[in-house]
Amino acid sequence: MATRERRLAEFDGNGEPPADVPVQVLCEDHSGTYQLPFECRWIDGEWRNDESGGKVEATVVGWRLPRA
């Protein structure tokens, strides 16, 4: 559980992300937490792949602005 809590702390975005800004997202499934290898945007109440525009079919549990 410590790993999950540490990862959640790294993805410290609160509320909805800024409009028109791609962000990194943290997802979770039965195996644990993982960061998607692409940036996403929050569009009309759902997460979308910033490159393809496809809907993210995962449970997003956190987001953050891209790290340099």
PDB file of N, CA and C in Angstrom:
ATOM      1  N   MET A   1       0.807  -1.210   0.000  1.00  0.00           N
ATOM      2  CA  MET A   1       0.000   0.000   0.000  1.00  0.00           C
ATOM      3  C   MET A   1       0.845   1.268   0.000  1.00  0.00           C
ATOM      4  N   ALA A   2       2.038   1.193   0.549  1.00  0.00           N
ATOM      5  CA  ALA A   2       2.887   2.383   0.593  1.00  0.00           C
ATOM      6  C   ALA A   2       3.170   2.896  -0.815  1.00  0.00           C
ATOM      7  N   THR A   3       3.370   1.984  -1.754  1.00  0.00           N
ATOM      8  CA  THR A   3       3.638   2.384  -3.132  1.00  0.00           C
ATOM      9  C   THR A   3       2.444   3.127  -3.713  1.00  0.00           C
ATOM     10  N   ARG A   4       1.248   2.633  -3.468  1.00  0.00           N
ATOM     11  CA  ARG A   4       0.042   3.293  -3.972  1.00  0.00           C
ATOM     12  C   ARG A   4      -0.076   4.697  -3.401  1.00  0.00           C
ATOM     13  N   GLU A   5       0.106   4.836  -2.106  1.00  0.00           N
ATOM     14  CA  GLU A   5      -0.005   6.152  -1.466  1.00  0.00           C
ATOM     15  C   GLU A   5       1.063   7.112  -1.979  1.00  0.00           C
ATOM     16  N   ARG A   6       2.279   6.595  -2.183  1.00  0.00           N
ATOM     17  CA  ARG A   6       3.365   7.443  -2.710  1.00  0.00           C
ATOM     18  C   ARG A   6       3.023   7.921  -4.114  1.00  0.00           C
ATOM     19  N   ARG A   7       2.533   7.023  -4.948  1.00  0.00           N
ATOM     20  CA  ARG A   7       2.177   7.401  -6.321  1.00  0.00           C
ATOM     21  C   ARG A   7       1.023   8.402  -6.338  1.00  0.00           C
ATOM     22  N   LEU A   8       0.025   8.177  -5.514  1.00  0.00           N
ATOM     23  CA  LEU A   8      -1.087   9.130  -5.441  1.00  0.00           C
ATOM     24  C   LEU A   8      -0.594  10.515  -5.027  1.00  0.00           C
ATOM     25  N   ALA A   9       0.362  10.566  -4.110  1.00  0.00           N
ATOM     26  CA  ALA A   9       0.910  11.842  -3.661  1.00  0.00           C
ATOM     27  C   ALA A   9       1.655  12.559  -4.791  1.00  0.00           C
ATOM     28  N   GLU A  10       2.243  11.799  -5.719  1.00  0.00           N
ATOM     29  CA  GLU A  10       2.955  12.397  -6.850  1.00  0.00           C
ATOM     30  C   GLU A  10       1.987  12.987  -7.880  1.00  0.00           C
ATOM     31  N   PHE A  11       0.795  12.442  -7.946  1.00  0.00           N
ATOM     32  CA  PHE A  11      -0.222  12.925  -8.878  1.00  0.00           C
ATOM     33  C   PHE A  11      -1.206  13.770  -8.076  1.00  0.00           C
ATOM     34  N   ASP A  12      -0.799  14.985  -7.812  1.00  0.00           N
ATOM     35  CA  ASP A  12      -1.479  15.839  -6.837  1.00  0.00           C
ATOM     36  C   ASP A  12      -2.503  16.796  -7.429  1.00  0.00           C
ATOM     37  N   GLY A  13      -2.930  16.566  -8.663  1.00  0.00           N
ATOM     38  CA  GLY A  13      -3.936  17.443  -9.253  1.00  0.00           C
ATOM     39  C   GLY A  13      -5.257  17.322  -8.518  1.00  0.00           C
ATOM     40  N   ASN A  14      -5.855  18.445  -8.209  1.00  0.00           N
ATOM     41  CA  ASN A  14      -7.142  18.462  -7.518  1.00  0.00           C
ATOM     42  C   ASN A  14      -8.226  18.977  -8.453  1.00  0.00           C
ATOM     43  N   GLY A  15      -9.392  18.399  -8.372  1.00  0.00           N
ATOM     44  CA  GLY A  15     -10.497  18.832  -9.217  1.00  0.00           C
ATOM     45  C   GLY A  15     -10.233  18.502 -10.666  1.00  0.00           C
ATOM     46  N   GLU A  16     -10.816  19.279 -11.539  1.00  0.00           N
ATOM     47  CA  GLU A  16     -10.621  19.076 -12.973  1.00  0.00           C
ATOM     48  C   GLU A  16      -9.334  19.760 -13.414  1.00  0.00           C
ATOM     49  N   PRO A  17      -8.603  19.159 -14.346  1.00  0.00           N
ATOM     50  CA  PRO A  17      -7.384  19.796 -14.848  1.00  0.00           C
ATOM     51  C   PRO A  17      -7.717  21.039 -15.664  1.00  0.00           C
ATOM     52  N   PRO A  18      -6.731  21.908 -15.874  1.00  0.00           N
ATOM     53  CA  PRO A  18      -6.967  23.114 -16.673  1.00  0.00           C
ATOM     54  C   PRO A  18      -7.430  22.762 -18.091  1.00  0.00           C
ATOM     55  N   ALA A  19      -8.278  23.597 -18.625  1.00  0.00           N
ATOM     56  CA  ALA A  19      -8.767  23.387 -19.993  1.00  0.00           C
ATOM     57  C   ALA A  19      -7.620  23.511 -20.993  1.00  0.00           C
ATOM     58  N   ASP A  20      -7.653  22.681 -22.015  1.00  0.00           N
ATOM     59  CA  ASP A  20      -6.688  22.726 -23.114  1.00  0.00           C
ATOM     60  C   ASP A  20      -5.240  22.536 -22.685  1.00  0.00           C
ATOM     61  N   VAL A  21      -5.018  21.776 -21.614  1.00  0.00           N
ATOM     62  CA  VAL A  21      -3.662  21.463 -21.174  1.00  0.00           C
ATOM     63  C   VAL A  21      -3.537  19.952 -21.026  1.00  0.00           C
ATOM     64  N   PRO A  22      -2.634  19.319 -21.784  1.00  0.00           N
ATOM     65  CA  PRO A  22      -2.445  17.881 -21.609  1.00  0.00           C
ATOM     66  C   PRO A  22      -1.778  17.602 -20.263  1.00  0.00           C
ATOM     67  N   VAL A  23      -2.200  16.520 -19.612  1.00  0.00           N
ATOM     68  CA  VAL A  23      -1.660  16.160 -18.304  1.00  0.00           C
ATOM     69  C   VAL A  23      -1.278  14.682 -18.278  1.00  0.00           C
ATOM     70  N   GLN A  24      -0.477  14.311 -17.296  1.00  0.00           N
ATOM     71  CA  GLN A  24      -0.136  12.917 -17.043  1.00  0.00           C
ATOM     72  C   GLN A  24      -1.190  12.356 -16.098  1.00  0.00           C
ATOM     73  N   VAL A  25      -1.590  11.114 -16.328  1.00  0.00           N
ATOM     74  CA  VAL A  25      -2.606  10.518 -15.457  1.00  0.00           C
ATOM     75  C   VAL A  25      -2.096   9.235 -14.821  1.00  0.00           C
ATOM     76  N   LEU A  26      -2.602   8.985 -13.623  1.00  0.00           N
ATOM     77  CA  LEU A  26      -2.324   7.764 -12.883  1.00  0.00           C
ATOM     78  C   LEU A  26      -3.604   6.944 -12.882  1.00  0.00           C
ATOM     79  N   CYS A  27      -3.487   5.681 -13.290  1.00  0.00           N
ATOM     80  CA  CYS A  27      -4.645   4.787 -13.353  1.00  0.00           C
ATOM     81  C   CYS A  27      -4.475   3.659 -12.353  1.00  0.00           C
ATOM     82  N   GLU A  28      -5.588   2.956 -12.112  1.00  0.00           N
ATOM     83  CA  GLU A  28      -5.543   1.850 -11.167  1.00  0.00           C
ATOM     84  C   GLU A  28      -6.424   0.712 -11.667  1.00  0.00           C
ATOM     85  N   ASP A  29      -5.933  -0.515 -11.495  1.00  0.00           N
ATOM     86  CA  ASP A  29      -6.738  -1.697 -11.778  1.00  0.00           C
ATOM     87  C   ASP A  29      -6.446  -2.738 -10.705  1.00  0.00           C
ATOM     88  N   HIS A  30      -6.888  -3.964 -10.918  1.00  0.00           N
ATOM     89  CA  HIS A  30      -6.719  -5.020  -9.917  1.00  0.00           C
ATOM     90  C   HIS A  30      -5.254  -5.345  -9.612  1.00  0.00           C
ATOM     91  N   SER A  31      -4.331  -4.955 -10.510  1.00  0.00           N
ATOM     92  CA  SER A  31      -2.903  -5.225 -10.303  1.00  0.00           C
ATOM     93  C   SER A  31      -2.178  -4.093  -9.579  1.00  0.00           C
ATOM     94  N   GLY A  32      -2.778  -2.924  -9.541  1.00  0.00           N
ATOM     95  CA  GLY A  32      -2.128  -1.790  -8.883  1.00  0.00           C
ATOM     96  C   GLY A  32      -2.282  -0.506  -9.673  1.00  0.00           C
ATOM     97  N   THR A  33      -1.375   0.437  -9.402  1.00  0.00           N
ATOM     98  CA  THR A  33      -1.424   1.738 -10.073  1.00  0.00           C
ATOM     99  C   THR A  33      -0.353   1.799 -11.161  1.00  0.00           C
ATOM    100  N   TYR A  34      -0.626   2.595 -12.175  1.00  0.00           N
ATOM    101  CA  TYR A  34       0.328   2.759 -13.269  1.00  0.00           C
ATOM    102  C   TYR A  34       0.060   4.087 -13.969  1.00  0.00           C
ATOM    103  N   GLN A  35       1.132   4.667 -14.519  1.00  0.00           N
ATOM    104  CA  GLN A  35       1.007   5.908 -15.284  1.00  0.00           C
ATOM    105  C   GLN A  35       0.856   5.541 -16.753  1.00  0.00           C
ATOM    106  N   LEU A  36      -0.088   6.183 -17.426  1.00  0.00           N
ATOM    107  CA  LEU A  36      -0.236   5.942 -18.860  1.00  0.00           C
ATOM    108  C   LEU A  36       0.983   6.512 -19.589  1.00  0.00           C
ATOM    109  N   PRO A  37       1.417   5.875 -20.686  1.00  0.00           N
ATOM    110  CA  PRO A  37       2.613   6.321 -21.407  1.00  0.00           C
ATOM    111  C   PRO A  37       2.360   7.499 -22.359  1.00  0.00           C
ATOM    112  N   PHE A  38       1.205   8.099 -22.263  1.00  0.00           N
ATOM    113  CA  PHE A  38       0.859   9.246 -23.104  1.00  0.00           C
ATOM    114  C   PHE A  38       0.100  10.262 -22.256  1.00  0.00           C
ATOM    115  N   GLU A  39       0.127  11.500 -22.696  1.00  0.00           N
ATOM    116  CA  GLU A  39      -0.610  12.545 -21.980  1.00  0.00           C
ATOM    117  C   GLU A  39      -2.086  12.499 -22.365  1.00  0.00           C
ATOM    118  N   CYS A  40      -2.911  12.999 -21.462  1.00  0.00           N
ATOM    119  CA  CYS A  40      -4.361  12.969 -21.663  1.00  0.00           C
ATOM    120  C   CYS A  40      -4.954  14.351 -21.446  1.00  0.00           C
ATOM    121  N   ARG A  41      -6.169  14.512 -21.923  1.00  0.00           N
ATOM    122  CA  ARG A  41      -6.946  15.740 -21.694  1.00  0.00           C
ATOM    123  C   ARG A  41      -8.304  15.357 -21.131  1.00  0.00           C
ATOM    124  N   TRP A  42      -8.831  16.212 -20.273  1.00  0.00           N
ATOM    125  CA  TRP A  42     -10.174  16.048 -19.707  1.00  0.00           C
ATOM    126  C   TRP A  42     -11.109  16.826 -20.618  1.00  0.00           C
ATOM    127  N   ILE A  43     -11.943  16.126 -21.380  1.00  0.00           N
ATOM    128  CA  ILE A  43     -12.819  16.760 -22.367  1.00  0.00           C
ATOM    129  C   ILE A  43     -14.247  16.287 -22.150  1.00  0.00           C
ATOM    130  N   ASP A  44     -15.144  17.223 -21.923  1.00  0.00           N
ATOM    131  CA  ASP A  44     -16.571  16.913 -21.766  1.00  0.00           C
ATOM    132  C   ASP A  44     -16.822  15.784 -20.763  1.00  0.00           C
ATOM    133  N   GLY A  45     -16.114  15.828 -19.640  1.00  0.00           N
ATOM    134  CA  GLY A  45     -16.360  14.870 -18.570  1.00  0.00           C
ATOM    135  C   GLY A  45     -15.718  13.509 -18.724  1.00  0.00           C
ATOM    136  N   GLU A  46     -14.775  13.375 -19.666  1.00  0.00           N
ATOM    137  CA  GLU A  46     -14.074  12.100 -19.801  1.00  0.00           C
ATOM    138  C   GLU A  46     -12.628  12.327 -20.224  1.00  0.00           C
ATOM    139  N   TRP A  47     -11.798  11.345 -19.875  1.00  0.00           N
ATOM    140  CA  TRP A  47     -10.378  11.413 -20.224  1.00  0.00           C
ATOM    141  C   TRP A  47     -10.174  10.940 -21.649  1.00  0.00           C
ATOM    142  N   ARG A  48      -9.332  11.688 -22.388  1.00  0.00           N
ATOM    143  CA  ARG A  48      -9.016  11.360 -23.782  1.00  0.00           C
ATOM    144  C   ARG A  48      -7.505  11.345 -23.977  1.00  0.00           C
ATOM    145  N   ASN A  49      -7.035  10.410 -24.801  1.00  0.00           N
ATOM    146  CA  ASN A  49      -5.634  10.358 -25.202  1.00  0.00           C
ATOM    147  C   ASN A  49      -5.348  11.636 -25.976  1.00  0.00           C
ATOM    148  N   ASP A  50      -4.322  12.378 -25.575  1.00  0.00           N
ATOM    149  CA  ASP A  50      -4.026  13.655 -26.228  1.00  0.00           C
ATOM    150  C   ASP A  50      -3.565  13.470 -27.666  1.00  0.00           C
ATOM    151  N   GLU A  51      -2.930  12.338 -27.978  1.00  0.00           N
ATOM    152  CA  GLU A  51      -2.428  12.111 -29.332  1.00  0.00           C
ATOM    153  C   GLU A  51      -3.512  11.608 -30.275  1.00  0.00           C
ATOM    154  N   SER A  52      -4.252  10.589 -29.846  1.00  0.00           N
ATOM    155  CA  SER A  52      -5.221   9.966 -30.745  1.00  0.00           C
ATOM    156  C   SER A  52      -6.639  10.503 -30.590  1.00  0.00           C
ATOM    157  N   GLY A  53      -6.925  11.099 -29.431  1.00  0.00           N
ATOM    158  CA  GLY A  53      -8.279  11.567 -29.161  1.00  0.00           C
ATOM    159  C   GLY A  53      -9.196  10.472 -28.648  1.00  0.00           C
ATOM    160  N   GLY A  54      -8.671   9.238 -28.566  1.00  0.00           N
ATOM    161  CA  GLY A  54      -9.469   8.118 -28.095  1.00  0.00           C
ATOM    162  C   GLY A  54      -9.771   8.208 -26.606  1.00  0.00           C
ATOM    163  N   LYS A  55     -10.914   7.655 -26.232  1.00  0.00           N
ATOM    164  CA  LYS A  55     -11.329   7.643 -24.836  1.00  0.00           C
ATOM    165  C   LYS A  55     -10.424   6.709 -24.029  1.00  0.00           C
ATOM    166  N   VAL A  56     -10.030   7.147 -22.842  1.00  0.00           N
ATOM    167  CA  VAL A  56      -9.217   6.316 -21.952  1.00  0.00           C
ATOM    168  C   VAL A  56     -10.138   5.301 -21.279  1.00  0.00           C
ATOM    169  N   GLU A  57      -9.872   4.033 -21.518  1.00  0.00           N
ATOM    170  CA  GLU A  57     -10.680   2.955 -20.958  1.00  0.00           C
ATOM    171  C   GLU A  57     -10.002   2.402 -19.709  1.00  0.00           C
ATOM    172  N   ALA A  58      -9.760   3.268 -18.739  1.00  0.00           N
ATOM    173  CA  ALA A  58      -9.105   2.880 -17.493  1.00  0.00           C
ATOM    174  C   ALA A  58      -9.662   3.759 -16.380  1.00  0.00           C
ATOM    175  N   THR A  59      -9.454   3.334 -15.147  1.00  0.00           N
ATOM    176  CA  THR A  59      -9.897   4.116 -14.002  1.00  0.00           C
ATOM    177  C   THR A  59      -8.788   5.084 -13.608  1.00  0.00           C
ATOM    178  N   VAL A  60      -9.002   6.364 -13.886  1.00  0.00           N
ATOM    179  CA  VAL A  60      -8.018   7.390 -13.554  1.00  0.00           C
ATOM    180  C   VAL A  60      -8.220   7.799 -12.098  1.00  0.00           C
ATOM    181  N   VAL A  61      -7.128   7.732 -11.310  1.00  0.00           N
ATOM    182  CA  VAL A  61      -7.209   8.058  -9.892  1.00  0.00           C
ATOM    183  C   VAL A  61      -6.433   9.321  -9.530  1.00  0.00           C
ATOM    184  N   GLY A  62      -5.688   9.869 -10.502  1.00  0.00           N
ATOM    185  CA  GLY A  62      -4.958  11.110 -10.240  1.00  0.00           C
ATOM    186  C   GLY A  62      -4.402  11.694 -11.508  1.00  0.00           C
ATOM    187  N   TRP A  63      -4.054  12.978 -11.449  1.00  0.00           N
ATOM    188  CA  TRP A  63      -3.458  13.637 -12.600  1.00  0.00           C
ATOM    189  C   TRP A  63      -2.461  14.682 -12.090  1.00  0.00           C
ATOM    190  N   ARG A  64      -1.545  15.085 -12.998  1.00  0.00           N
ATOM    191  CA  ARG A  64      -0.577  16.133 -12.687  1.00  0.00           C
ATOM    192  C   ARG A  64      -0.155  16.809 -13.980  1.00  0.00           C
ATOM    193  N   LEU A  65       0.336  18.005 -13.855  1.00  0.00           N
ATOM    194  CA  LEU A  65       0.892  18.688 -15.006  1.00  0.00           C
ATOM    195  C   LEU A  65       2.160  17.952 -15.413  1.00  0.00           C
ATOM    196  N   PRO A  66       2.487  17.932 -16.707  1.00  0.00           N
ATOM    197  CA  PRO A  66       3.682  17.200 -17.167  1.00  0.00           C
ATOM    198  C   PRO A  66       4.937  17.699 -16.466  1.00  0.00           C
ATOM    199  N   ARG A  67       5.799  16.762 -16.166  1.00  0.00           N
ATOM    200  CA  ARG A  67       7.096  17.081 -15.562  1.00  0.00           C
ATOM    201  C   ARG A  67       8.101  17.347 -16.660  1.00  0.00           C
ATOM    202  N   ALA A  68       8.926  18.319 -16.436  1.00  0.00           N
ATOM    203  CA  ALA A  68       9.952  18.675 -17.453  1.00  0.00           C
ATOM    204  C   ALA A  68      11.067  17.675 -17.521  1.00  0.00           C
TER     205      ALA A  68
END
